[in-house]
Amino acid sequence: MSQTNKSLQVQIVSPNGLVYNEEALKVHVQSVDGGRTILPDHIAMMTALDISPVIVTTFNQETPEDYIAINGGLLEVRDNEVNIIANMAIRARDIDDARTSMEKTLAEDAMKQAEINQDIRAYQMAELDLKKALNQLDVMKHRHR
């Protein structure tokens, strides 16, 4: 850790393993209660996260922000460490555009079919799948070129 700049150590883990592990200036997340920005020396806290992007502001001037799509999870902040345990996490650079676009279309079709069948549970599941796909498509826009 640099003596001149305070920093955060950010780790994001999913069931598939370590997705992200970098030093950062700040981290922005969307908790189930709303948006939160974590800066160095933040008080210790834990909160549940929503399906949303995690935006990490890095020290790299060429790529000042990293975007990671998560499908919910848990955030822990303690001693300038930010740990996120996510149900699913994928960096913008690793998102498959064609697969994610197909998932979006399938979710929209499933929502229409559930509406026709008046199946509230199926509609809610398809709506959740759509939210996940839209989150990834949004994060994908922030790939480093």
N, C-alpha and C. Protein backbone atom coordinates (compact mmCIF):
# COMPACT_ATOMS: atom_id res chain seq x y z
N MET A 1 0.84 -1.18 0.00
CA MET A 1 0.00 0.00 0.00
C MET A 1 0.88 1.23 0.00
N SER A 2 0.54 2.19 -0.78
CA SER A 2 1.32 3.42 -0.91
C SER A 2 1.18 4.27 0.35
N GLN A 3 2.29 4.90 0.76
CA GLN A 3 2.26 5.77 1.94
C GLN A 3 1.59 7.10 1.63
N THR A 4 1.71 7.60 0.39
CA THR A 4 1.17 8.91 0.05
C THR A 4 -0.32 8.86 -0.26
N ASN A 5 -0.80 7.77 -0.80
CA ASN A 5 -2.22 7.65 -1.13
C ASN A 5 -2.84 6.53 -0.31
N LYS A 6 -3.87 6.86 0.43
CA LYS A 6 -4.61 5.81 1.12
C LYS A 6 -5.35 5.01 0.06
N SER A 7 -5.48 3.72 0.29
CA SER A 7 -6.16 2.89 -0.70
C SER A 7 -7.00 1.82 -0.02
N LEU A 8 -7.77 1.15 -0.84
CA LEU A 8 -8.60 0.03 -0.43
C LEU A 8 -8.09 -1.21 -1.16
N GLN A 9 -8.14 -2.34 -0.50
CA GLN A 9 -7.88 -3.61 -1.17
C GLN A 9 -9.26 -4.20 -1.47
N VAL A 10 -9.56 -4.40 -2.77
CA VAL A 10 -10.88 -4.85 -3.19
C VAL A 10 -10.79 -6.28 -3.70
N GLN A 11 -11.59 -7.15 -3.11
CA GLN A 11 -11.68 -8.54 -3.56
C GLN A 11 -13.14 -8.87 -3.84
N ILE A 12 -13.36 -9.50 -5.00
CA ILE A 12 -14.69 -9.98 -5.34
C ILE A 12 -14.57 -11.48 -5.63
N VAL A 13 -15.37 -12.26 -4.91
CA VAL A 13 -15.34 -13.71 -5.03
C VAL A 13 -16.74 -14.19 -5.40
N SER A 14 -16.78 -15.18 -6.31
CA SER A 14 -18.05 -15.82 -6.67
C SER A 14 -17.87 -17.32 -6.45
N PRO A 15 -18.92 -18.11 -6.64
CA PRO A 15 -18.76 -19.56 -6.52
C PRO A 15 -17.68 -20.12 -7.46
N ASN A 16 -17.36 -19.40 -8.54
CA ASN A 16 -16.32 -19.85 -9.47
C ASN A 16 -14.92 -19.44 -9.04
N GLY A 17 -14.79 -18.74 -7.92
CA GLY A 17 -13.48 -18.34 -7.43
C GLY A 17 -13.27 -16.84 -7.41
N LEU A 18 -12.01 -16.45 -7.30
CA LEU A 18 -11.64 -15.04 -7.23
C LEU A 18 -11.84 -14.38 -8.59
N VAL A 19 -12.65 -13.33 -8.64
CA VAL A 19 -12.95 -12.62 -9.88
C VAL A 19 -12.14 -11.33 -9.97
N TYR A 20 -11.89 -10.71 -8.83
CA TYR A 20 -11.23 -9.39 -8.84
C TYR A 20 -10.42 -9.25 -7.56
N ASN A 21 -9.20 -8.72 -7.67
CA ASN A 21 -8.35 -8.49 -6.51
C ASN A 21 -7.37 -7.37 -6.86
N GLU A 22 -7.72 -6.13 -6.49
CA GLU A 22 -6.91 -4.97 -6.87
C GLU A 22 -6.94 -3.92 -5.75
N GLU A 23 -5.95 -3.03 -5.78
CA GLU A 23 -5.93 -1.86 -4.93
C GLU A 23 -6.76 -0.78 -5.61
N ALA A 24 -7.47 0.02 -4.83
CA ALA A 24 -8.36 1.02 -5.42
C ALA A 24 -8.43 2.29 -4.57
N LEU A 25 -8.90 3.34 -5.24
CA LEU A 25 -9.15 4.62 -4.58
C LEU A 25 -10.52 4.63 -3.91
N LYS A 26 -11.51 4.04 -4.61
CA LYS A 26 -12.87 3.97 -4.06
C LYS A 26 -13.64 2.88 -4.79
N VAL A 27 -14.75 2.49 -4.19
CA VAL A 27 -15.63 1.47 -4.75
C VAL A 27 -17.07 1.94 -4.61
N HIS A 28 -17.83 1.82 -5.71
CA HIS A 28 -19.26 2.16 -5.65
C HIS A 28 -20.06 0.87 -5.87
N VAL A 29 -21.02 0.63 -4.98
CA VAL A 29 -21.88 -0.55 -5.07
C VAL A 29 -23.33 -0.12 -4.91
N GLN A 30 -24.22 -1.01 -5.30
CA GLN A 30 -25.66 -0.79 -5.11
C GLN A 30 -26.13 -1.82 -4.10
N SER A 31 -26.38 -1.36 -2.87
CA SER A 31 -26.91 -2.26 -1.86
C SER A 31 -28.42 -2.36 -2.05
N VAL A 32 -29.05 -3.25 -1.32
CA VAL A 32 -30.50 -3.35 -1.42
C VAL A 32 -31.18 -2.09 -0.86
N ASP A 33 -30.43 -1.29 -0.11
CA ASP A 33 -30.94 -0.03 0.46
C ASP A 33 -30.63 1.19 -0.40
N GLY A 34 -29.77 1.04 -1.41
CA GLY A 34 -29.38 2.17 -2.24
C GLY A 34 -27.89 2.16 -2.51
N GLY A 35 -27.43 3.19 -3.22
CA GLY A 35 -26.03 3.27 -3.61
C GLY A 35 -25.13 3.61 -2.45
N ARG A 36 -23.91 3.06 -2.48
CA ARG A 36 -22.91 3.34 -1.46
C ARG A 36 -21.56 3.49 -2.13
N THR A 37 -20.82 4.51 -1.71
CA THR A 37 -19.45 4.70 -2.16
C THR A 37 -18.54 4.49 -0.97
N ILE A 38 -17.58 3.58 -1.13
CA ILE A 38 -16.65 3.24 -0.06
C ILE A 38 -15.32 3.92 -0.37
N LEU A 39 -14.83 4.69 0.59
CA LEU A 39 -13.55 5.39 0.49
C LEU A 39 -12.61 4.84 1.56
N PRO A 40 -11.30 5.08 1.45
CA PRO A 40 -10.38 4.64 2.50
C PRO A 40 -10.83 5.16 3.87
N ASP A 41 -10.57 4.35 4.89
CA ASP A 41 -10.93 4.64 6.28
C ASP A 41 -12.44 4.65 6.52
N HIS A 42 -13.20 3.97 5.66
CA HIS A 42 -14.65 3.83 5.84
C HIS A 42 -14.89 3.01 7.11
N ILE A 43 -15.98 3.30 7.78
CA ILE A 43 -16.32 2.51 8.98
C ILE A 43 -16.61 1.07 8.57
N ALA A 44 -16.42 0.17 9.50
CA ALA A 44 -16.70 -1.24 9.25
C ALA A 44 -18.21 -1.40 9.02
N MET A 45 -18.56 -2.22 8.03
CA MET A 45 -19.97 -2.44 7.75
C MET A 45 -20.16 -3.71 6.94
N MET A 46 -21.38 -4.21 6.95
CA MET A 46 -21.80 -5.32 6.08
C MET A 46 -23.16 -4.95 5.53
N THR A 47 -23.39 -5.30 4.27
CA THR A 47 -24.70 -5.04 3.67
C THR A 47 -24.94 -6.01 2.52
N ALA A 48 -26.20 -6.25 2.25
CA ALA A 48 -26.58 -7.08 1.10
C ALA A 48 -26.55 -6.24 -0.15
N LEU A 49 -26.08 -6.84 -1.25
CA LEU A 49 -25.98 -6.13 -2.53
C LEU A 49 -27.05 -6.60 -3.50
N ASP A 50 -27.45 -5.68 -4.37
CA ASP A 50 -28.45 -5.93 -5.39
C ASP A 50 -27.78 -6.41 -6.68
N ILE A 51 -28.55 -6.85 -7.63
CA ILE A 51 -28.06 -7.13 -8.98
C ILE A 51 -27.66 -5.78 -9.55
N SER A 52 -26.36 -5.60 -9.79
CA SER A 52 -25.88 -4.27 -10.17
C SER A 52 -24.41 -4.33 -10.55
N PRO A 53 -23.91 -3.21 -11.10
CA PRO A 53 -22.47 -3.13 -11.33
C PRO A 53 -21.74 -2.74 -10.05
N VAL A 54 -20.52 -3.23 -9.91
CA VAL A 54 -19.58 -2.72 -8.91
C VAL A 54 -18.60 -1.88 -9.71
N ILE A 55 -18.40 -0.64 -9.29
CA ILE A 55 -17.49 0.26 -10.00
C ILE A 55 -16.31 0.55 -9.09
N VAL A 56 -15.14 0.13 -9.54
CA VAL A 56 -13.91 0.30 -8.76
C VAL A 56 -13.06 1.37 -9.43
N THR A 57 -12.77 2.43 -8.68
CA THR A 57 -11.89 3.49 -9.19
C THR A 57 -10.47 3.09 -8.82
N THR A 58 -9.64 2.91 -9.86
CA THR A 58 -8.29 2.38 -9.69
C THR A 58 -7.24 3.50 -9.70
N PHE A 59 -6.01 3.12 -9.50
CA PHE A 59 -4.88 4.05 -9.59
C PHE A 59 -4.37 4.17 -11.02
N ASN A 60 -4.85 3.32 -11.91
CA ASN A 60 -4.39 3.29 -13.30
C ASN A 60 -5.05 4.43 -14.09
N GLN A 61 -4.24 5.38 -14.58
CA GLN A 61 -4.79 6.53 -15.29
C GLN A 61 -5.31 6.17 -16.68
N GLU A 62 -4.78 5.10 -17.28
CA GLU A 62 -5.27 4.68 -18.60
C GLU A 62 -6.65 4.04 -18.52
N THR A 63 -6.89 3.30 -17.45
CA THR A 63 -8.19 2.66 -17.23
C THR A 63 -8.60 2.96 -15.79
N PRO A 64 -9.14 4.16 -15.56
CA PRO A 64 -9.40 4.60 -14.19
C PRO A 64 -10.54 3.88 -13.46
N GLU A 65 -11.38 3.16 -14.21
CA GLU A 65 -12.48 2.45 -13.55
C GLU A 65 -12.59 1.04 -14.09
N ASP A 66 -12.83 0.09 -13.18
CA ASP A 66 -13.14 -1.28 -13.55
C ASP A 66 -14.60 -1.52 -13.20
N TYR A 67 -15.30 -2.19 -14.12
CA TYR A 67 -16.71 -2.52 -13.91
C TYR A 67 -16.85 -4.03 -13.80
N ILE A 68 -17.60 -4.45 -12.78
CA ILE A 68 -17.85 -5.87 -12.56
C ILE A 68 -19.35 -6.03 -12.34
N ALA A 69 -19.99 -6.91 -13.11
CA ALA A 69 -21.41 -7.19 -12.94
C ALA A 69 -21.57 -8.26 -11.86
N ILE A 70 -22.46 -8.01 -10.90
CA ILE A 70 -22.77 -9.02 -9.89
C ILE A 70 -24.27 -9.27 -9.86
N ASN A 71 -24.62 -10.48 -9.48
CA ASN A 71 -26.04 -10.84 -9.34
C ASN A 71 -26.40 -10.92 -7.86
N GLY A 72 -26.11 -9.87 -7.13
CA GLY A 72 -26.39 -9.83 -5.71
C GLY A 72 -25.23 -10.43 -4.93
N GLY A 73 -25.28 -10.25 -3.62
CA GLY A 73 -24.23 -10.80 -2.77
C GLY A 73 -24.14 -10.05 -1.46
N LEU A 74 -22.97 -10.12 -0.87
CA LEU A 74 -22.73 -9.52 0.44
C LEU A 74 -21.45 -8.69 0.38
N LEU A 75 -21.50 -7.49 0.92
CA LEU A 75 -20.35 -6.58 1.00
C LEU A 75 -19.90 -6.49 2.45
N GLU A 76 -18.59 -6.62 2.66
CA GLU A 76 -18.00 -6.39 3.97
C GLU A 76 -16.88 -5.37 3.81
N VAL A 77 -16.88 -4.34 4.66
CA VAL A 77 -15.83 -3.34 4.67
C VAL A 77 -15.21 -3.36 6.05
N ARG A 78 -13.86 -3.49 6.07
CA ARG A 78 -13.17 -3.51 7.36
C ARG A 78 -11.69 -3.23 7.12
N ASP A 79 -11.13 -2.29 7.86
CA ASP A 79 -9.69 -1.99 7.81
C ASP A 79 -9.18 -1.77 6.38
N ASN A 80 -9.87 -0.95 5.62
CA ASN A 80 -9.51 -0.62 4.23
C ASN A 80 -9.50 -1.83 3.31
N GLU A 81 -10.27 -2.85 3.68
CA GLU A 81 -10.49 -3.99 2.81
C GLU A 81 -11.97 -4.04 2.45
N VAL A 82 -12.23 -4.21 1.16
CA VAL A 82 -13.60 -4.33 0.67
C VAL A 82 -13.73 -5.74 0.09
N ASN A 83 -14.54 -6.56 0.73
CA ASN A 83 -14.74 -7.93 0.28
C ASN A 83 -16.18 -8.10 -0.16
N ILE A 84 -16.34 -8.60 -1.37
CA ILE A 84 -17.67 -8.86 -1.90
C ILE A 84 -17.76 -10.35 -2.22
N ILE A 85 -18.74 -10.99 -1.65
CA ILE A 85 -19.05 -12.37 -1.97
C ILE A 85 -20.32 -12.30 -2.80
N ALA A 86 -20.20 -12.65 -4.07
CA ALA A 86 -21.31 -12.47 -5.01
C ALA A 86 -21.85 -13.82 -5.47
N ASN A 87 -23.14 -13.85 -5.76
CA ASN A 87 -23.77 -15.05 -6.32
C ASN A 87 -23.18 -15.36 -7.69
N MET A 88 -22.86 -14.31 -8.43
CA MET A 88 -22.22 -14.39 -9.74
C MET A 88 -21.50 -13.07 -9.93
N ALA A 89 -20.29 -13.13 -10.47
CA ALA A 89 -19.54 -11.90 -10.75
C ALA A 89 -18.75 -12.11 -12.02
N ILE A 90 -18.77 -11.08 -12.87
CA ILE A 90 -18.02 -11.15 -14.13
C ILE A 90 -17.52 -9.76 -14.49
N ARG A 91 -16.25 -9.68 -14.84
CA ARG A 91 -15.66 -8.41 -15.24
C ARG A 91 -16.18 -8.02 -16.62
N ALA A 92 -16.25 -6.73 -16.88
CA ALA A 92 -16.76 -6.22 -18.17
C ALA A 92 -16.03 -6.89 -19.34
N ARG A 93 -14.72 -7.04 -19.23
CA ARG A 93 -13.92 -7.61 -20.32
C ARG A 93 -14.24 -9.07 -20.61
N ASP A 94 -14.90 -9.76 -19.68
CA ASP A 94 -15.17 -11.19 -19.83
C ASP A 94 -16.60 -11.50 -20.26
N ILE A 95 -17.43 -10.48 -20.42
CA ILE A 95 -18.84 -10.70 -20.77
C ILE A 95 -18.95 -11.06 -22.25
N ASP A 96 -19.71 -12.10 -22.53
CA ASP A 96 -19.96 -12.56 -23.90
C ASP A 96 -21.21 -11.84 -24.41
N ASP A 97 -21.01 -10.91 -25.32
CA ASP A 97 -22.10 -10.08 -25.84
C ASP A 97 -23.22 -10.92 -26.45
N ALA A 98 -22.89 -11.87 -27.30
CA ALA A 98 -23.90 -12.67 -27.99
C ALA A 98 -24.71 -13.50 -27.00
N ARG A 99 -24.02 -14.15 -26.05
CA ARG A 99 -24.71 -14.99 -25.07
C ARG A 99 -25.63 -14.14 -24.18
N THR A 100 -25.13 -12.99 -23.75
CA THR A 100 -25.91 -12.13 -22.86
C THR A 100 -27.11 -11.54 -23.60
N SER A 101 -26.94 -11.17 -24.85
CA SER A 101 -28.07 -10.67 -25.65
C SER A 101 -29.13 -11.75 -25.83
N MET A 102 -28.67 -13.00 -26.01
CA MET A 102 -29.61 -14.11 -26.15
C MET A 102 -30.37 -14.33 -24.83
N GLU A 103 -29.66 -14.24 -23.71
CA GLU A 103 -30.31 -14.39 -22.40
C GLU A 103 -31.37 -13.31 -22.20
N LYS A 104 -31.08 -12.11 -22.65
CA LYS A 104 -32.03 -10.99 -22.55
C LYS A 104 -33.28 -11.31 -23.36
N THR A 105 -33.10 -11.76 -24.60
CA THR A 105 -34.23 -12.09 -25.47
C THR A 105 -35.05 -13.23 -24.89
N LEU A 106 -34.39 -14.27 -24.38
CA LEU A 106 -35.10 -15.40 -23.78
C LEU A 106 -35.91 -14.96 -22.56
N ALA A 107 -35.34 -14.08 -21.76
CA ALA A 107 -36.05 -13.59 -20.57
C ALA A 107 -37.28 -12.77 -20.98
N GLU A 108 -37.12 -11.92 -22.00
CA GLU A 108 -38.27 -11.13 -22.48
C GLU A 108 -39.37 -12.04 -23.02
N ASP A 109 -38.98 -13.07 -23.77
CA ASP A 109 -39.97 -14.03 -24.29
C ASP A 109 -40.66 -14.78 -23.17
N ALA A 110 -39.89 -15.17 -22.16
CA ALA A 110 -40.46 -15.88 -21.02
C ALA A 110 -41.43 -15.00 -20.24
N MET A 111 -41.13 -13.71 -20.15
CA MET A 111 -42.04 -12.78 -19.47
C MET A 111 -43.36 -12.68 -20.23
N LYS A 112 -43.28 -12.59 -21.56
CA LYS A 112 -44.49 -12.51 -22.39
C LYS A 112 -45.33 -13.77 -22.23
N GLN A 113 -44.67 -14.93 -22.26
CA GLN A 113 -45.39 -16.19 -22.14
C GLN A 113 -46.02 -16.33 -20.76
N ALA A 114 -45.31 -15.92 -19.73
CA ALA A 114 -45.84 -15.99 -18.37
C ALA A 114 -47.05 -15.07 -18.21
N GLU A 115 -47.00 -13.93 -18.88
CA GLU A 115 -48.12 -13.00 -18.83
C GLU A 115 -49.34 -13.61 -19.51
N ILE A 116 -49.14 -14.24 -20.66
CA ILE A 116 -50.23 -14.92 -21.37
C ILE A 116 -50.83 -16.01 -20.50
N ASN A 117 -49.94 -16.77 -19.82
CA ASN A 117 -50.39 -17.89 -18.97
C ASN A 117 -50.85 -17.42 -17.59
N GLN A 118 -50.73 -16.14 -17.32
CA GLN A 118 -51.05 -15.57 -16.01
C GLN A 118 -50.33 -16.31 -14.89
N ASP A 119 -49.04 -16.59 -15.12
CA ASP A 119 -48.19 -17.31 -14.17
C ASP A 119 -47.26 -16.29 -13.50
N ILE A 120 -47.68 -15.83 -12.33
CA ILE A 120 -46.96 -14.77 -11.63
C ILE A 120 -45.54 -15.21 -11.27
N ARG A 121 -45.40 -16.44 -10.79
CA ARG A 121 -44.08 -16.95 -10.40
C ARG A 121 -43.13 -17.00 -11.60
N ALA A 122 -43.59 -17.53 -12.71
CA ALA A 122 -42.76 -17.60 -13.92
C ALA A 122 -42.41 -16.20 -14.41
N TYR A 123 -43.35 -15.27 -14.29
CA TYR A 123 -43.08 -13.89 -14.70
C TYR A 123 -41.98 -13.28 -13.83
N GLN A 124 -42.07 -13.49 -12.51
CA GLN A 124 -41.07 -12.94 -11.60
C GLN A 124 -39.68 -13.53 -11.87
N MET A 125 -39.62 -14.82 -12.16
CA MET A 125 -38.33 -15.47 -12.46
C MET A 125 -37.75 -14.91 -13.76
N ALA A 126 -38.60 -14.73 -14.77
CA ALA A 126 -38.13 -14.19 -16.05
C ALA A 126 -37.69 -12.74 -15.88
N GLU A 127 -38.41 -12.01 -15.06
CA GLU A 127 -38.07 -10.60 -14.80
C GLU A 127 -36.69 -10.51 -14.13
N LEU A 128 -36.41 -11.42 -13.21
CA LEU A 128 -35.11 -11.48 -12.55
C LEU A 128 -34.01 -11.82 -13.55
N ASP A 129 -34.27 -12.78 -14.44
CA ASP A 129 -33.31 -13.14 -15.49
C ASP A 129 -33.04 -11.95 -16.41
N LEU A 130 -34.08 -11.18 -16.71
CA LEU A 130 -33.92 -9.99 -17.55
C LEU A 130 -33.05 -8.95 -16.84
N LYS A 131 -33.28 -8.74 -15.56
CA LYS A 131 -32.49 -7.78 -14.79
C LYS A 131 -31.01 -8.18 -14.80
N LYS A 132 -30.72 -9.47 -14.67
CA LYS A 132 -29.33 -9.96 -14.69
C LYS A 132 -28.69 -9.70 -16.05
N ALA A 133 -29.42 -10.00 -17.12
CA ALA A 133 -28.89 -9.80 -18.47
C ALA A 133 -28.66 -8.31 -18.75
N LEU A 134 -29.61 -7.47 -18.36
CA LEU A 134 -29.46 -6.03 -18.58
C LEU A 134 -28.28 -5.46 -17.80
N ASN A 135 -28.05 -5.97 -16.59
CA ASN A 135 -26.91 -5.55 -15.78
C ASN A 135 -25.60 -5.87 -16.52
N GLN A 136 -25.49 -7.08 -17.05
CA GLN A 136 -24.27 -7.45 -17.78
C GLN A 136 -24.09 -6.62 -19.05
N LEU A 137 -25.19 -6.38 -19.76
CA LEU A 137 -25.09 -5.57 -20.98
C LEU A 137 -24.66 -4.14 -20.65
N ASP A 138 -25.15 -3.61 -19.53
CA ASP A 138 -24.75 -2.27 -19.10
C ASP A 138 -23.27 -2.24 -18.73
N VAL A 139 -22.82 -3.22 -17.97
CA VAL A 139 -21.41 -3.28 -17.56
C VAL A 139 -20.50 -3.47 -18.77
N MET A 140 -20.95 -4.24 -19.73
CA MET A 140 -20.15 -4.53 -20.92
C MET A 140 -19.79 -3.25 -21.69
N LYS A 141 -20.63 -2.24 -21.60
CA LYS A 141 -20.38 -0.97 -22.28
C LYS A 141 -19.11 -0.29 -21.76
N HIS A 142 -18.63 -0.73 -20.60
CA HIS A 142 -17.49 -0.08 -19.96
C HIS A 142 -16.21 -0.91 -20.09
N ARG A 143 -16.16 -1.75 -21.12
CA ARG A 143 -14.94 -2.50 -21.38
C ARG A 143 -13.81 -1.55 -21.70
N HIS A 144 -12.61 -1.91 -21.26
CA HIS A 144 -11.43 -1.11 -21.62
C HIS A 144 -11.06 -1.45 -23.04
N ARG A 145 -10.89 -0.48 -23.85
CA ARG A 145 -10.58 -0.69 -25.26
C ARG A 145 -9.10 -0.85 -25.45
